[in-house]
């Protein structure tokens, strides 16, 4: 019974949102409002972002109902407790997150803080050293100060989602209409005689 209570506590509490709304903050809001409050240990409005080490498992095994919505994005806070040999390739479960875009600066409405964003894609380990790229993506957000831009916050915010498949455009192909004006048998229907004035 106590374990059921803890299991409910670990789930993101998006039930407080009005019907028809979902928790999907922009990069600026995620960094300036949620991550900044987490770094300074301030109270967050509701339990929508879980504290979880996103590098301990594959993305499809993260807490939360990952099958509830197709286009849903999942948000986590993670305190960087482990050191990675290579920050561009980070092991996670039976695979690894590989960086495809690094240290993109966010244009924040703050004079004191700078937001950094990394984009990673998950590669699943199939056999031996063979990896397969999946559709799972991660945006990692960190906060730094303008005064000390090399000192990055230990707490990060993570947005994890599955990319949509691109649909083939086979039904949208426009085929040209060709009208053949040539005559197959000219004797069957001769051209009309010229008109006299």
N, C-alpha and C. Protein backbone atom coordinates (compact mmCIF):
# COMPACT_ATOMS: atom_id res chain seq x y z
N UNK A 1 0.83 -1.18 0.00
CA UNK A 1 0.00 0.00 0.00
C UNK A 1 0.88 1.25 0.00
N UNK A 2 1.94 1.25 0.80
CA UNK A 2 2.84 2.41 0.81
C UNK A 2 3.58 2.53 -0.51
N UNK A 3 3.89 1.38 -1.13
CA UNK A 3 4.57 1.41 -2.42
C UNK A 3 3.69 2.00 -3.51
N UNK A 4 2.38 1.74 -3.45
CA UNK A 4 1.46 2.33 -4.43
C UNK A 4 1.47 3.85 -4.32
N UNK A 5 1.53 4.36 -3.10
CA UNK A 5 1.57 5.81 -2.89
C UNK A 5 2.84 6.39 -3.51
N UNK A 6 3.99 5.71 -3.29
CA UNK A 6 5.25 6.19 -3.85
C UNK A 6 5.24 6.12 -5.37
N UNK A 7 4.65 5.08 -5.93
CA UNK A 7 4.58 4.96 -7.39
C UNK A 7 3.77 6.10 -7.98
N UNK A 8 2.68 6.48 -7.32
CA UNK A 8 1.88 7.60 -7.81
C UNK A 8 2.65 8.91 -7.68
N UNK A 9 3.46 9.04 -6.62
CA UNK A 9 4.20 10.27 -6.40
C UNK A 9 5.27 10.47 -7.48
N UNK A 10 5.83 9.37 -7.99
CA UNK A 10 6.88 9.47 -8.99
C UNK A 10 6.38 9.80 -10.39
N UNK A 11 5.08 9.74 -10.61
CA UNK A 11 4.53 10.04 -11.93
C UNK A 11 4.38 11.56 -12.08
N UNK A 12 4.59 12.09 -13.28
CA UNK A 12 4.37 13.53 -13.46
C UNK A 12 2.91 13.88 -13.20
N UNK A 13 2.70 14.97 -12.50
CA UNK A 13 1.34 15.35 -12.09
C UNK A 13 0.77 16.37 -13.06
N UNK A 14 0.39 15.89 -14.24
CA UNK A 14 -0.21 16.78 -15.25
C UNK A 14 -1.72 16.74 -15.16
N UNK A 15 -2.26 16.03 -14.17
CA UNK A 15 -3.71 15.94 -14.04
C UNK A 15 -4.31 17.26 -13.58
N UNK A 16 -3.50 18.14 -13.05
CA UNK A 16 -4.02 19.43 -12.59
C UNK A 16 -4.25 20.41 -13.73
N UNK A 17 -3.78 20.09 -14.90
CA UNK A 17 -3.99 20.96 -16.05
C UNK A 17 -5.45 20.87 -16.49
N UNK A 18 -6.01 21.95 -16.99
CA UNK A 18 -7.39 21.89 -17.49
C UNK A 18 -7.50 20.93 -18.68
N UNK A 19 -8.68 20.43 -18.90
CA UNK A 19 -8.92 19.51 -20.01
C UNK A 19 -8.55 20.20 -21.32
N UNK A 20 -7.84 19.49 -22.18
CA UNK A 20 -7.43 20.05 -23.46
C UNK A 20 -6.05 20.68 -23.44
N UNK A 21 -5.42 20.78 -22.27
CA UNK A 21 -4.08 21.35 -22.15
C UNK A 21 -3.08 20.23 -21.89
N UNK A 22 -1.84 20.46 -22.30
CA UNK A 22 -0.78 19.53 -21.95
C UNK A 22 0.47 20.33 -21.62
N UNK A 23 1.33 19.74 -20.84
CA UNK A 23 2.55 20.39 -20.40
C UNK A 23 3.59 20.27 -21.52
N UNK A 24 3.90 21.37 -22.17
CA UNK A 24 4.87 21.39 -23.27
C UNK A 24 5.51 22.78 -23.35
N UNK A 25 6.39 23.11 -22.38
CA UNK A 25 6.98 24.45 -22.35
C UNK A 25 7.97 24.67 -23.49
N UNK A 26 8.10 25.92 -23.90
CA UNK A 26 9.11 26.29 -24.90
C UNK A 26 10.49 26.22 -24.26
N UNK A 27 11.53 26.32 -25.07
CA UNK A 27 12.90 26.28 -24.54
C UNK A 27 13.12 27.39 -23.52
N UNK A 28 12.67 28.61 -23.83
CA UNK A 28 12.86 29.74 -22.93
C UNK A 28 12.17 29.53 -21.59
N UNK A 29 10.93 29.08 -21.63
CA UNK A 29 10.17 28.86 -20.39
C UNK A 29 10.79 27.73 -19.58
N UNK A 30 11.21 26.68 -20.25
CA UNK A 30 11.82 25.55 -19.55
C UNK A 30 13.09 25.97 -18.81
N UNK A 31 13.90 26.80 -19.45
CA UNK A 31 15.16 27.22 -18.83
C UNK A 31 14.94 28.35 -17.83
N UNK A 32 14.26 29.43 -18.24
CA UNK A 32 14.11 30.62 -17.38
C UNK A 32 13.21 30.38 -16.18
N UNK A 33 12.19 29.58 -16.35
CA UNK A 33 11.24 29.40 -15.26
C UNK A 33 11.51 28.12 -14.47
N UNK A 34 11.48 26.97 -15.13
CA UNK A 34 11.58 25.70 -14.41
C UNK A 34 13.01 25.37 -13.99
N UNK A 35 13.96 25.41 -14.92
CA UNK A 35 15.33 25.04 -14.58
C UNK A 35 15.95 26.03 -13.59
N UNK A 36 15.71 27.30 -13.79
CA UNK A 36 16.26 28.31 -12.87
C UNK A 36 15.73 28.10 -11.45
N UNK A 37 14.43 27.81 -11.33
CA UNK A 37 13.86 27.54 -10.00
C UNK A 37 14.46 26.28 -9.39
N UNK A 38 14.69 25.26 -10.22
CA UNK A 38 15.27 24.01 -9.71
C UNK A 38 16.70 24.24 -9.25
N UNK A 39 17.48 25.00 -10.00
CA UNK A 39 18.87 25.29 -9.63
C UNK A 39 18.93 26.03 -8.30
N UNK A 40 18.01 26.98 -8.10
CA UNK A 40 17.99 27.75 -6.86
C UNK A 40 17.14 27.11 -5.77
N UNK A 41 16.69 25.88 -6.00
CA UNK A 41 15.91 25.12 -5.02
C UNK A 41 14.64 25.85 -4.59
N UNK A 42 13.98 26.50 -5.54
CA UNK A 42 12.72 27.18 -5.27
C UNK A 42 11.56 26.24 -5.58
N UNK A 43 10.39 26.55 -5.05
CA UNK A 43 9.22 25.70 -5.25
C UNK A 43 8.70 25.83 -6.67
N UNK A 44 8.41 24.69 -7.27
CA UNK A 44 7.82 24.66 -8.61
C UNK A 44 6.31 24.60 -8.48
N UNK A 45 5.56 25.11 -9.46
CA UNK A 45 4.10 25.19 -9.32
C UNK A 45 3.42 23.85 -9.14
N UNK A 46 3.87 22.82 -9.83
CA UNK A 46 3.33 21.48 -9.62
C UNK A 46 4.36 20.47 -10.11
N UNK A 47 4.13 19.24 -9.76
CA UNK A 47 5.10 18.17 -10.01
C UNK A 47 4.98 17.67 -11.44
N UNK A 48 5.38 18.48 -12.42
CA UNK A 48 5.25 18.10 -13.82
C UNK A 48 6.55 17.55 -14.39
N UNK A 49 7.67 17.87 -13.76
CA UNK A 49 8.97 17.41 -14.23
C UNK A 49 9.57 16.51 -13.15
N UNK A 50 9.85 15.27 -13.51
CA UNK A 50 10.39 14.30 -12.56
C UNK A 50 11.89 14.48 -12.38
N UNK A 51 12.39 14.13 -11.20
CA UNK A 51 13.81 14.01 -10.95
C UNK A 51 14.20 12.58 -11.29
N UNK A 52 15.06 12.41 -12.29
CA UNK A 52 15.41 11.05 -12.72
C UNK A 52 16.71 11.09 -13.52
N UNK A 53 17.55 10.07 -13.32
CA UNK A 53 18.79 9.95 -14.08
C UNK A 53 18.45 9.37 -15.46
N UNK A 54 18.38 10.23 -16.46
CA UNK A 54 17.95 9.82 -17.79
C UNK A 54 18.97 8.94 -18.50
N UNK A 55 20.18 8.83 -17.96
CA UNK A 55 21.22 8.04 -18.59
C UNK A 55 21.34 6.63 -18.01
N UNK A 56 20.41 6.22 -17.16
CA UNK A 56 20.50 4.88 -16.59
C UNK A 56 19.74 3.84 -17.40
N UNK A 57 18.91 4.25 -18.35
CA UNK A 57 18.11 3.30 -19.10
C UNK A 57 17.80 3.81 -20.51
N UNK A 58 17.19 2.95 -21.31
CA UNK A 58 16.76 3.34 -22.65
C UNK A 58 15.58 4.30 -22.54
N UNK A 59 15.36 5.14 -23.55
CA UNK A 59 14.29 6.14 -23.44
C UNK A 59 12.89 5.53 -23.33
N UNK A 60 12.66 4.36 -23.91
CA UNK A 60 11.33 3.76 -23.84
C UNK A 60 11.07 3.11 -22.49
N UNK A 61 12.07 3.08 -21.59
CA UNK A 61 11.89 2.53 -20.25
C UNK A 61 11.89 3.62 -19.17
N UNK A 62 11.87 4.87 -19.57
CA UNK A 62 11.85 5.97 -18.61
C UNK A 62 10.52 5.98 -17.86
N UNK A 63 10.48 6.53 -16.64
CA UNK A 63 9.21 6.56 -15.90
C UNK A 63 8.19 7.45 -16.58
N UNK A 64 6.94 7.13 -16.34
CA UNK A 64 5.86 7.85 -17.00
C UNK A 64 5.23 6.94 -18.03
N UNK A 65 4.05 7.28 -18.43
CA UNK A 65 3.33 6.46 -19.41
C UNK A 65 3.76 6.87 -20.80
N UNK A 66 4.80 6.21 -21.32
CA UNK A 66 5.36 6.59 -22.62
C UNK A 66 4.47 6.18 -23.79
N UNK A 67 3.42 5.42 -23.53
CA UNK A 67 2.52 5.02 -24.62
C UNK A 67 1.20 5.77 -24.57
N UNK A 68 1.06 6.70 -23.64
CA UNK A 68 -0.23 7.39 -23.47
C UNK A 68 -0.57 8.25 -24.69
N UNK A 69 0.39 8.98 -25.18
CA UNK A 69 0.16 9.87 -26.31
C UNK A 69 1.30 9.68 -27.31
N UNK A 70 0.98 9.65 -28.59
CA UNK A 70 2.01 9.46 -29.61
C UNK A 70 3.00 10.62 -29.65
N UNK A 71 2.48 11.83 -29.63
CA UNK A 71 3.31 13.02 -29.83
C UNK A 71 3.76 13.66 -28.53
N UNK A 72 3.69 12.94 -27.45
CA UNK A 72 4.00 13.52 -26.15
C UNK A 72 5.50 13.69 -25.97
N UNK A 73 5.84 14.72 -25.24
CA UNK A 73 7.22 14.97 -24.86
C UNK A 73 7.34 14.75 -23.36
N UNK A 74 8.46 14.20 -22.91
CA UNK A 74 8.66 13.87 -21.51
C UNK A 74 9.77 14.75 -20.96
N UNK A 75 9.57 15.23 -19.75
CA UNK A 75 10.49 16.18 -19.14
C UNK A 75 11.05 15.61 -17.85
N UNK A 76 12.37 15.80 -17.66
CA UNK A 76 13.05 15.31 -16.46
C UNK A 76 14.08 16.34 -16.01
N UNK A 77 14.32 16.35 -14.69
CA UNK A 77 15.48 17.04 -14.12
C UNK A 77 16.48 15.95 -13.77
N UNK A 78 17.75 16.26 -13.95
CA UNK A 78 18.79 15.29 -13.61
C UNK A 78 19.98 16.06 -13.04
N UNK A 79 20.45 15.60 -11.89
CA UNK A 79 21.66 16.18 -11.31
C UNK A 79 22.83 15.37 -11.84
N UNK A 80 23.75 16.05 -12.47
CA UNK A 80 24.88 15.37 -13.09
C UNK A 80 25.78 14.81 -11.99
N UNK A 81 25.60 13.52 -11.69
CA UNK A 81 26.39 12.87 -10.64
C UNK A 81 27.50 12.01 -11.23
N UNK A 82 27.33 11.60 -12.47
CA UNK A 82 28.34 10.73 -13.06
C UNK A 82 29.15 11.50 -14.10
N UNK A 83 30.37 11.06 -14.26
CA UNK A 83 31.26 11.66 -15.26
C UNK A 83 31.30 10.75 -16.48
N UNK A 84 31.21 11.32 -17.65
CA UNK A 84 31.30 10.57 -18.89
C UNK A 84 32.68 10.78 -19.50
N UNK A 85 33.24 9.71 -20.05
CA UNK A 85 34.54 9.82 -20.72
C UNK A 85 34.44 10.74 -21.93
N UNK A 86 33.33 10.65 -22.63
CA UNK A 86 33.12 11.46 -23.82
C UNK A 86 31.71 12.05 -23.73
N UNK A 87 31.61 13.36 -23.63
CA UNK A 87 30.29 14.00 -23.50
C UNK A 87 29.48 13.94 -24.80
N UNK A 88 30.13 13.62 -25.92
CA UNK A 88 29.41 13.50 -27.18
C UNK A 88 28.75 12.14 -27.35
N UNK A 89 29.24 11.13 -26.63
CA UNK A 89 28.65 9.78 -26.64
C UNK A 89 28.48 9.35 -25.19
N UNK A 90 27.23 9.26 -24.74
CA UNK A 90 26.96 8.94 -23.34
C UNK A 90 26.18 7.63 -23.24
N UNK A 91 26.74 6.62 -22.57
CA UNK A 91 26.04 5.34 -22.45
C UNK A 91 24.75 5.48 -21.65
N UNK A 92 23.74 4.73 -22.07
CA UNK A 92 22.45 4.71 -21.38
C UNK A 92 21.78 3.36 -21.64
N UNK A 93 21.66 2.56 -20.60
CA UNK A 93 21.03 1.25 -20.76
C UNK A 93 21.78 0.42 -21.78
N UNK A 94 21.08 -0.16 -22.74
CA UNK A 94 21.69 -0.95 -23.80
C UNK A 94 21.85 -0.10 -25.07
N UNK A 95 22.47 1.04 -24.93
CA UNK A 95 22.67 1.93 -26.06
C UNK A 95 23.43 3.16 -25.62
N UNK A 96 23.32 4.22 -26.41
CA UNK A 96 24.03 5.45 -26.07
C UNK A 96 23.35 6.65 -26.72
N UNK A 97 23.47 7.78 -26.03
CA UNK A 97 22.99 9.05 -26.57
C UNK A 97 24.18 9.72 -27.25
N UNK A 98 24.00 10.09 -28.53
CA UNK A 98 25.06 10.75 -29.28
C UNK A 98 24.65 12.19 -29.59
N UNK A 99 25.57 13.10 -29.34
CA UNK A 99 25.31 14.52 -29.57
C UNK A 99 25.34 14.82 -31.06
N UNK A 100 24.29 15.53 -31.52
CA UNK A 100 24.27 15.95 -32.93
C UNK A 100 24.31 17.47 -33.05
N UNK A 101 24.00 18.17 -31.96
CA UNK A 101 24.10 19.63 -31.93
C UNK A 101 24.54 20.02 -30.53
N UNK A 102 25.61 20.83 -30.44
CA UNK A 102 26.25 21.05 -29.15
C UNK A 102 26.29 22.54 -28.77
N UNK A 103 25.98 22.81 -27.51
CA UNK A 103 26.11 24.14 -26.89
C UNK A 103 25.46 25.26 -27.69
N UNK A 104 24.27 25.02 -28.17
CA UNK A 104 23.53 26.08 -28.84
C UNK A 104 23.05 27.06 -27.77
N UNK A 105 23.37 28.34 -27.94
CA UNK A 105 22.96 29.33 -26.94
C UNK A 105 21.52 29.75 -27.18
N UNK A 106 20.76 29.80 -26.08
CA UNK A 106 19.37 30.23 -26.15
C UNK A 106 19.30 31.73 -25.89
N UNK A 107 18.47 32.40 -26.61
CA UNK A 107 18.28 33.84 -26.45
C UNK A 107 17.26 34.05 -25.33
N UNK A 108 17.76 34.23 -24.11
CA UNK A 108 16.90 34.36 -22.94
C UNK A 108 16.64 35.82 -22.61
N UNK A 109 15.47 36.11 -22.02
CA UNK A 109 15.18 37.49 -21.62
C UNK A 109 15.82 37.82 -20.27
N UNK A 110 17.10 37.50 -20.11
CA UNK A 110 17.80 37.74 -18.85
C UNK A 110 19.16 38.34 -19.14
N UNK A 111 19.57 39.25 -18.28
CA UNK A 111 20.89 39.88 -18.43
C UNK A 111 21.97 39.08 -17.71
N UNK A 112 21.56 38.15 -16.85
CA UNK A 112 22.52 37.46 -15.99
C UNK A 112 22.76 36.00 -16.37
N UNK A 113 21.81 35.38 -17.08
CA UNK A 113 21.90 33.95 -17.37
C UNK A 113 21.95 33.67 -18.86
N UNK A 114 22.64 32.59 -19.18
CA UNK A 114 22.71 32.09 -20.55
C UNK A 114 22.27 30.64 -20.52
N UNK A 115 21.39 30.28 -21.44
CA UNK A 115 20.95 28.90 -21.54
C UNK A 115 21.72 28.18 -22.63
N UNK A 116 22.09 26.94 -22.37
CA UNK A 116 22.80 26.11 -23.34
C UNK A 116 21.91 24.91 -23.66
N UNK A 117 21.87 24.55 -24.94
CA UNK A 117 21.03 23.44 -25.38
C UNK A 117 21.86 22.48 -26.23
N UNK A 118 21.82 21.20 -25.86
CA UNK A 118 22.43 20.13 -26.65
C UNK A 118 21.32 19.25 -27.20
N UNK A 119 21.48 18.78 -28.41
CA UNK A 119 20.52 17.85 -29.01
C UNK A 119 21.22 16.52 -29.20
N UNK A 120 20.58 15.45 -28.71
CA UNK A 120 21.16 14.12 -28.79
C UNK A 120 20.15 13.16 -29.41
N UNK A 121 20.66 12.10 -30.02
CA UNK A 121 19.80 11.05 -30.59
C UNK A 121 20.25 9.72 -29.97
N UNK A 122 19.29 8.82 -29.74
CA UNK A 122 19.60 7.54 -29.08
C UNK A 122 19.93 6.48 -30.12
N UNK A 123 21.06 5.81 -29.91
CA UNK A 123 21.49 4.69 -30.73
C UNK A 123 21.41 3.44 -29.88
N UNK A 124 20.67 2.44 -30.34
CA UNK A 124 20.47 1.19 -29.60
C UNK A 124 21.51 0.18 -30.03
N UNK A 125 22.12 -0.50 -29.04
CA UNK A 125 23.16 -1.49 -29.33
C UNK A 125 22.50 -2.81 -29.71
N UNK A 126 22.78 -3.26 -30.93
CA UNK A 126 22.14 -4.49 -31.43
C UNK A 126 23.00 -5.71 -31.11
N UNK A 127 24.15 -5.84 -31.74
CA UNK A 127 25.06 -6.96 -31.51
C UNK A 127 26.48 -6.44 -31.51
N UNK A 128 27.28 -6.93 -30.58
CA UNK A 128 28.67 -6.51 -30.53
C UNK A 128 28.81 -5.00 -30.46
N UNK A 129 29.43 -4.43 -31.47
CA UNK A 129 29.59 -2.97 -31.53
C UNK A 129 28.64 -2.33 -32.53
N UNK A 130 27.67 -3.08 -33.04
CA UNK A 130 26.73 -2.54 -34.03
C UNK A 130 25.62 -1.76 -33.31
N UNK A 131 25.41 -0.52 -33.74
CA UNK A 131 24.37 0.34 -33.17
C UNK A 131 23.38 0.74 -34.26
N UNK A 132 22.13 0.88 -33.87
CA UNK A 132 21.07 1.30 -34.78
C UNK A 132 20.49 2.61 -34.27
N UNK A 133 20.41 3.61 -35.14
CA UNK A 133 19.83 4.89 -34.74
C UNK A 133 18.32 4.73 -34.58
N UNK A 134 17.79 5.23 -33.46
CA UNK A 134 16.36 5.17 -33.21
C UNK A 134 15.73 6.53 -33.50
N UNK A 135 14.43 6.63 -33.31
CA UNK A 135 13.73 7.90 -33.51
C UNK A 135 13.69 8.72 -32.22
N UNK A 136 14.29 8.23 -31.14
CA UNK A 136 14.27 8.95 -29.86
C UNK A 136 15.29 10.08 -29.86
N UNK A 137 14.84 11.27 -29.45
CA UNK A 137 15.70 12.45 -29.38
C UNK A 137 15.65 13.03 -27.97
N UNK A 138 16.69 13.75 -27.63
CA UNK A 138 16.76 14.41 -26.32
C UNK A 138 17.29 15.82 -26.50
N UNK A 139 16.65 16.76 -25.82
CA UNK A 139 17.19 18.11 -25.70
C UNK A 139 17.66 18.27 -24.27
N UNK A 140 18.93 18.60 -24.11
CA UNK A 140 19.51 18.82 -22.78
C UNK A 140 19.69 20.32 -22.59
N UNK A 141 19.18 20.84 -21.48
CA UNK A 141 19.28 22.27 -21.19
C UNK A 141 20.11 22.47 -19.93
N UNK A 142 21.03 23.42 -19.99
CA UNK A 142 21.87 23.79 -18.85
C UNK A 142 21.83 25.31 -18.70
N UNK A 143 22.12 25.75 -17.51
CA UNK A 143 22.11 27.18 -17.20
C UNK A 143 23.51 27.61 -16.82
N UNK A 144 23.98 28.73 -17.33
CA UNK A 144 25.26 29.30 -16.93
C UNK A 144 25.06 30.80 -16.72
N UNK A 145 26.03 31.43 -16.14
CA UNK A 145 25.94 32.87 -15.90
C UNK A 145 26.73 33.62 -16.96
N UNK A 146 26.39 34.87 -17.15
CA UNK A 146 27.11 35.72 -18.10
C UNK A 146 28.52 35.98 -17.58
N UNK A 147 28.65 36.10 -16.26
CA UNK A 147 29.95 36.41 -15.64
C UNK A 147 30.91 35.23 -15.78
N UNK A 148 30.42 33.99 -15.56
CA UNK A 148 31.25 32.79 -15.66
C UNK A 148 30.62 31.82 -16.67
N UNK A 149 30.79 32.06 -17.96
CA UNK A 149 30.12 31.23 -18.97
C UNK A 149 30.61 29.78 -19.03
N UNK A 150 31.80 29.49 -18.48
CA UNK A 150 32.30 28.11 -18.52
C UNK A 150 31.76 27.28 -17.37
N UNK A 151 31.24 27.92 -16.35
CA UNK A 151 30.69 27.19 -15.19
C UNK A 151 29.22 26.90 -15.47
N UNK A 152 28.91 25.61 -15.68
CA UNK A 152 27.55 25.19 -16.03
C UNK A 152 26.89 24.56 -14.83
N UNK A 153 25.58 24.75 -14.71
CA UNK A 153 24.82 24.21 -13.58
C UNK A 153 24.91 22.68 -13.55
N UNK A 154 24.91 22.14 -12.34
CA UNK A 154 24.94 20.68 -12.17
C UNK A 154 23.59 20.06 -12.51
N UNK A 155 22.53 20.84 -12.37
CA UNK A 155 21.18 20.35 -12.67
C UNK A 155 20.86 20.66 -14.12
N UNK A 156 20.32 19.67 -14.80
CA UNK A 156 19.92 19.87 -16.19
C UNK A 156 18.45 19.53 -16.37
N UNK A 157 17.84 20.13 -17.36
CA UNK A 157 16.46 19.79 -17.73
C UNK A 157 16.54 19.05 -19.06
N UNK A 158 15.72 18.01 -19.17
CA UNK A 158 15.75 17.16 -20.36
C UNK A 158 14.36 17.02 -20.96
N UNK A 159 14.28 17.19 -22.26
CA UNK A 159 13.05 16.95 -23.02
C UNK A 159 13.33 15.74 -23.92
N UNK A 160 12.57 14.68 -23.72
CA UNK A 160 12.78 13.45 -24.49
C UNK A 160 11.51 13.15 -25.28
N UNK A 161 11.69 12.85 -26.55
CA UNK A 161 10.53 12.61 -27.41
C UNK A 161 10.93 11.70 -28.56
N UNK A 162 9.92 11.18 -29.23
CA UNK A 162 10.14 10.31 -30.38
C UNK A 162 9.80 11.09 -31.64
N UNK A 163 10.75 11.15 -32.58
CA UNK A 163 10.52 11.85 -33.84
C UNK A 163 9.42 11.16 -34.64
N UNK A 164 8.68 11.95 -35.39
CA UNK A 164 7.65 11.39 -36.26
C UNK A 164 8.30 10.80 -37.50
N UNK A 165 7.67 9.77 -38.03
CA UNK A 165 8.12 9.21 -39.30
C UNK A 165 7.68 10.11 -40.44
N UNK A 166 8.55 10.28 -41.41
CA UNK A 166 8.17 11.06 -42.59
C UNK A 166 7.35 10.16 -43.51
N UNK A 167 6.19 10.64 -43.90
CA UNK A 167 5.32 9.86 -44.77
C UNK A 167 5.76 10.05 -46.22
N UNK A 168 5.76 8.96 -47.00
CA UNK A 168 6.11 9.11 -48.42
C UNK A 168 5.05 9.91 -49.16
N UNK A 169 5.48 10.63 -50.17
CA UNK A 169 4.58 11.51 -50.91
C UNK A 169 4.04 10.84 -52.17
N UNK A 170 3.83 9.54 -52.16
CA UNK A 170 3.41 8.85 -53.38
C UNK A 170 2.02 9.26 -53.84
N UNK A 171 1.11 9.61 -52.95
CA UNK A 171 -0.24 10.02 -53.35
C UNK A 171 -0.28 11.47 -53.81
N UNK A 172 0.74 12.23 -53.48
CA UNK A 172 0.74 13.65 -53.83
C UNK A 172 1.54 13.95 -55.10
N UNK A 173 1.99 12.91 -55.80
CA UNK A 173 2.76 13.13 -57.02
C UNK A 173 1.82 13.60 -58.13
N UNK A 174 2.18 14.69 -58.76
CA UNK A 174 1.37 15.23 -59.85
C UNK A 174 1.90 14.66 -61.15
N UNK A 175 1.06 13.94 -61.83
CA UNK A 175 1.44 13.36 -63.12
C UNK A 175 0.91 14.25 -64.23
N UNK A 176 1.75 14.57 -65.21
CA UNK A 176 1.28 15.43 -66.30
C UNK A 176 0.27 14.69 -67.18
N UNK A 177 -0.70 15.42 -67.66
CA UNK A 177 -1.70 14.86 -68.56
C UNK A 177 -1.20 15.08 -69.98
N UNK A 178 -1.12 14.00 -70.75
CA UNK A 178 -0.62 14.08 -72.12
C UNK A 178 -1.79 13.80 -73.06
N UNK A 179 -2.04 14.72 -73.97
CA UNK A 179 -3.08 14.54 -74.98
C UNK A 179 -2.39 14.36 -76.32
N UNK A 180 -2.66 13.25 -76.96
CA UNK A 180 -2.03 12.94 -78.23
C UNK A 180 -2.90 13.48 -79.37
N UNK A 181 -2.40 14.49 -80.09
CA UNK A 181 -3.15 15.10 -81.19
C UNK A 181 -2.75 14.52 -82.56
N UNK A 182 -1.87 13.58 -82.59
CA UNK A 182 -1.48 13.00 -83.88
C UNK A 182 -2.55 12.02 -84.35
N UNK A 183 -2.68 11.93 -85.64
CA UNK A 183 -3.69 11.02 -86.21
C UNK A 183 -3.00 9.74 -86.63
N UNK A 184 -3.62 8.64 -86.32
CA UNK A 184 -3.02 7.36 -86.67
C UNK A 184 -3.25 7.03 -88.14
N UNK A 185 -4.45 7.32 -88.68
CA UNK A 185 -4.78 6.98 -90.07
C UNK A 185 -5.28 8.24 -90.76
N UNK A 186 -4.45 8.85 -91.59
CA UNK A 186 -4.81 10.11 -92.23
C UNK A 186 -5.82 9.93 -93.34
N UNK A 187 -5.95 8.72 -93.88
CA UNK A 187 -6.90 8.51 -94.99
C UNK A 187 -8.33 8.41 -94.50
N UNK A 188 -8.51 8.05 -93.29
CA UNK A 188 -9.87 7.87 -92.78
C UNK A 188 -10.60 9.19 -92.69
N UNK A 189 -9.91 10.21 -92.37
CA UNK A 189 -10.56 11.51 -92.20
C UNK A 189 -9.61 12.58 -92.74
N UNK A 190 -9.73 12.93 -94.04
CA UNK A 190 -8.81 13.92 -94.59
C UNK A 190 -9.08 15.30 -94.00
N UNK A 191 -8.11 16.18 -94.08
CA UNK A 191 -8.31 17.51 -93.56
C UNK A 191 -9.34 18.26 -94.39
N UNK A 192 -10.03 19.21 -93.84
CA UNK A 192 -11.04 19.95 -94.59
C UNK A 192 -10.40 20.79 -95.70
N UNK A 193 -11.16 21.01 -96.83
CA UNK A 193 -10.60 21.82 -97.93
C UNK A 193 -10.47 23.28 -97.49
N UNK A 194 -9.53 24.00 -98.11
CA UNK A 194 -9.38 25.40 -97.75
C UNK A 194 -10.60 26.20 -98.15
N UNK A 195 -10.91 27.17 -97.41
CA UNK A 195 -12.09 28.01 -97.67
C UNK A 195 -11.71 29.11 -98.66
N UNK A 196 -12.59 29.36 -99.64
CA UNK A 196 -12.31 30.42 -100.61
C UNK A 196 -12.98 31.71 -100.14
N UNK A 197 -12.39 32.87 -100.49
CA UNK A 197 -12.98 34.13 -100.04
C UNK A 197 -14.07 34.65 -100.87
